[in-house]
Amino acid sequence: MGIIDTLCGWFNSAVDFIMANGVSIAFVVLAAIAVLAAILVVTSEETMHSAFYLALVFFCVGVTYFFLAAPFVGVVQIMVYVGAITMLFAFGLMLTRRGMSDGGESR
């Protein structure tokens, strides 16, 4: 029973730590996702994947504004950058990629 009591005590202390520092843990996880997505923007071979990774970075930055008690800026960040700018990049890539993939021949 000593091992079970030790595991239960460790689990209870871990839950208490998460409950006390939930915002900090969420911020660290969100920042890690944003940094990973930013690295994938630069290193991805597919340009469309890079555009969607960029949307993920913009979304993480928008949620970070909510952590900083600036919800209006967060909503504007998500609406303008994730909604408009990323979709502009995506449609620009979709409309211009066909000519490049055909080997330079026009339709």
Protein backbone atom coordinates (compact mmCIF):
# COMPACT_ATOMS: atom_id res chain seq x y z
CA MET A 1 0.00 0.00 0.00
CA GLY A 2 2.98 2.31 0.35
CA ILE A 3 3.47 2.63 -3.41
CA ILE A 4 -0.20 3.39 -4.04
CA ASP A 5 -0.25 6.02 -1.29
CA THR A 6 2.90 7.60 -2.73
CA LEU A 7 1.42 7.68 -6.24
CA CYS A 8 -1.86 9.15 -4.97
CA GLY A 9 0.05 11.81 -3.04
CA TRP A 10 2.14 12.66 -6.11
CA PHE A 11 -1.00 12.82 -8.27
CA ASN A 12 -2.77 15.10 -5.79
CA SER A 13 0.21 17.45 -5.61
CA ALA A 14 0.43 17.53 -9.42
CA VAL A 15 -3.27 18.39 -9.68
CA ASP A 16 -2.88 21.12 -7.05
CA PHE A 17 0.08 22.58 -8.98
CA ILE A 18 -1.86 22.61 -12.24
CA MET A 19 -4.90 24.20 -10.62
CA ALA A 20 -2.78 26.93 -9.00
CA ASN A 21 -0.70 27.68 -12.12
CA GLY A 22 -3.15 26.90 -14.91
CA VAL A 23 -2.75 30.19 -16.77
CA SER A 24 1.04 29.97 -16.69
CA ILE A 25 0.99 26.39 -17.95
CA ALA A 26 -1.46 27.31 -20.72
CA PHE A 27 0.75 30.24 -21.75
CA VAL A 28 3.86 28.05 -21.92
CA VAL A 29 2.04 25.42 -23.99
CA LEU A 30 0.66 28.12 -26.31
CA ALA A 31 4.07 29.73 -26.69
CA ALA A 32 5.64 26.36 -27.50
CA ILE A 33 3.01 25.73 -30.17
CA ALA A 34 3.61 29.20 -31.64
CA VAL A 35 7.39 28.73 -31.77
CA LEU A 36 7.04 25.27 -33.32
CA ALA A 37 4.59 26.58 -35.92
CA ALA A 38 6.91 29.51 -36.71
CA ILE A 39 9.77 27.08 -37.31
CA LEU A 40 7.50 25.01 -39.56
CA VAL A 41 6.56 28.15 -41.54
CA VAL A 42 10.18 28.61 -42.50
CA THR A 43 11.16 24.97 -43.00
CA SER A 44 8.07 23.53 -44.70
CA GLU A 45 8.51 22.40 -48.31
CA GLU A 46 4.89 23.07 -49.27
CA THR A 47 3.95 26.73 -49.49
CA MET A 48 0.31 26.03 -48.66
CA HIS A 49 1.36 24.25 -45.46
CA SER A 50 3.50 27.27 -44.60
CA ALA A 51 0.47 29.54 -45.00
CA PHE A 52 -1.58 27.42 -42.62
CA TYR A 53 1.28 27.22 -40.10
CA LEU A 54 1.39 31.01 -40.31
CA ALA A 55 -2.32 31.08 -39.49
CA LEU A 56 -1.57 28.96 -36.42
CA VAL A 57 1.12 31.43 -35.34
CA PHE A 58 -1.29 34.35 -35.78
CA PHE A 59 -3.94 32.50 -33.77
CA CYS A 60 -1.51 31.78 -30.93
CA VAL A 61 -0.51 35.45 -30.83
CA GLY A 62 -4.19 36.42 -30.70
CA VAL A 63 -4.85 34.09 -27.78
CA THR A 64 -1.76 35.48 -26.05
CA TYR A 65 -3.42 38.90 -26.11
CA PHE A 66 -6.29 37.38 -24.15
CA PHE A 67 -3.79 36.26 -21.50
CA LEU A 68 -2.52 39.84 -21.36
CA ALA A 69 -6.06 41.14 -20.63
CA ALA A 70 -6.47 42.76 -24.05
CA PRO A 71 -9.45 40.92 -25.52
CA PHE A 72 -10.24 43.53 -28.18
CA VAL A 73 -6.72 43.33 -29.60
CA GLY A 74 -6.93 39.54 -29.48
CA VAL A 75 -10.21 39.46 -31.40
CA VAL A 76 -8.88 41.92 -33.99
CA GLN A 77 -5.67 39.88 -34.34
CA ILE A 78 -7.63 36.69 -34.94
CA MET A 79 -10.17 38.27 -37.29
CA VAL A 80 -7.74 40.31 -39.38
CA TYR A 81 -4.65 38.14 -39.51
CA VAL A 82 -6.10 34.63 -39.28
CA GLY A 83 -9.25 35.43 -41.19
CA ALA A 84 -8.15 37.90 -43.82
CA ILE A 85 -4.38 37.90 -44.32
CA THR A 86 -3.92 34.13 -44.18
CA MET A 87 -6.83 33.54 -46.53
CA LEU A 88 -5.34 36.15 -48.88
CA PHE A 89 -2.05 34.21 -48.86
CA ALA A 90 -3.87 30.91 -49.37
CA PHE A 91 -5.93 32.15 -52.32
CA GLY A 92 -2.89 33.86 -53.81
CA LEU A 93 -0.99 30.59 -53.65
CA MET A 94 -3.87 28.60 -55.09
CA LEU A 95 -4.32 30.99 -58.01
CA THR A 96 -0.64 31.28 -58.93
CA ARG A 97 0.64 27.78 -58.25
CA ARG A 98 -0.91 26.10 -61.30
CA GLY A 99 1.31 27.92 -63.82
CA MET A 100 4.47 27.00 -61.93
CA SER A 101 3.66 23.30 -61.58
CA ASP A 102 2.97 22.79 -65.32
CA GLY A 103 6.62 23.21 -66.19
CA GLY A 104 6.28 26.73 -67.56
CA GLU A 105 3.70 25.93 -70.25
CA SER A 106 0.69 28.19 -70.51
CA ARG A 107 -2.82 26.76 -70.74
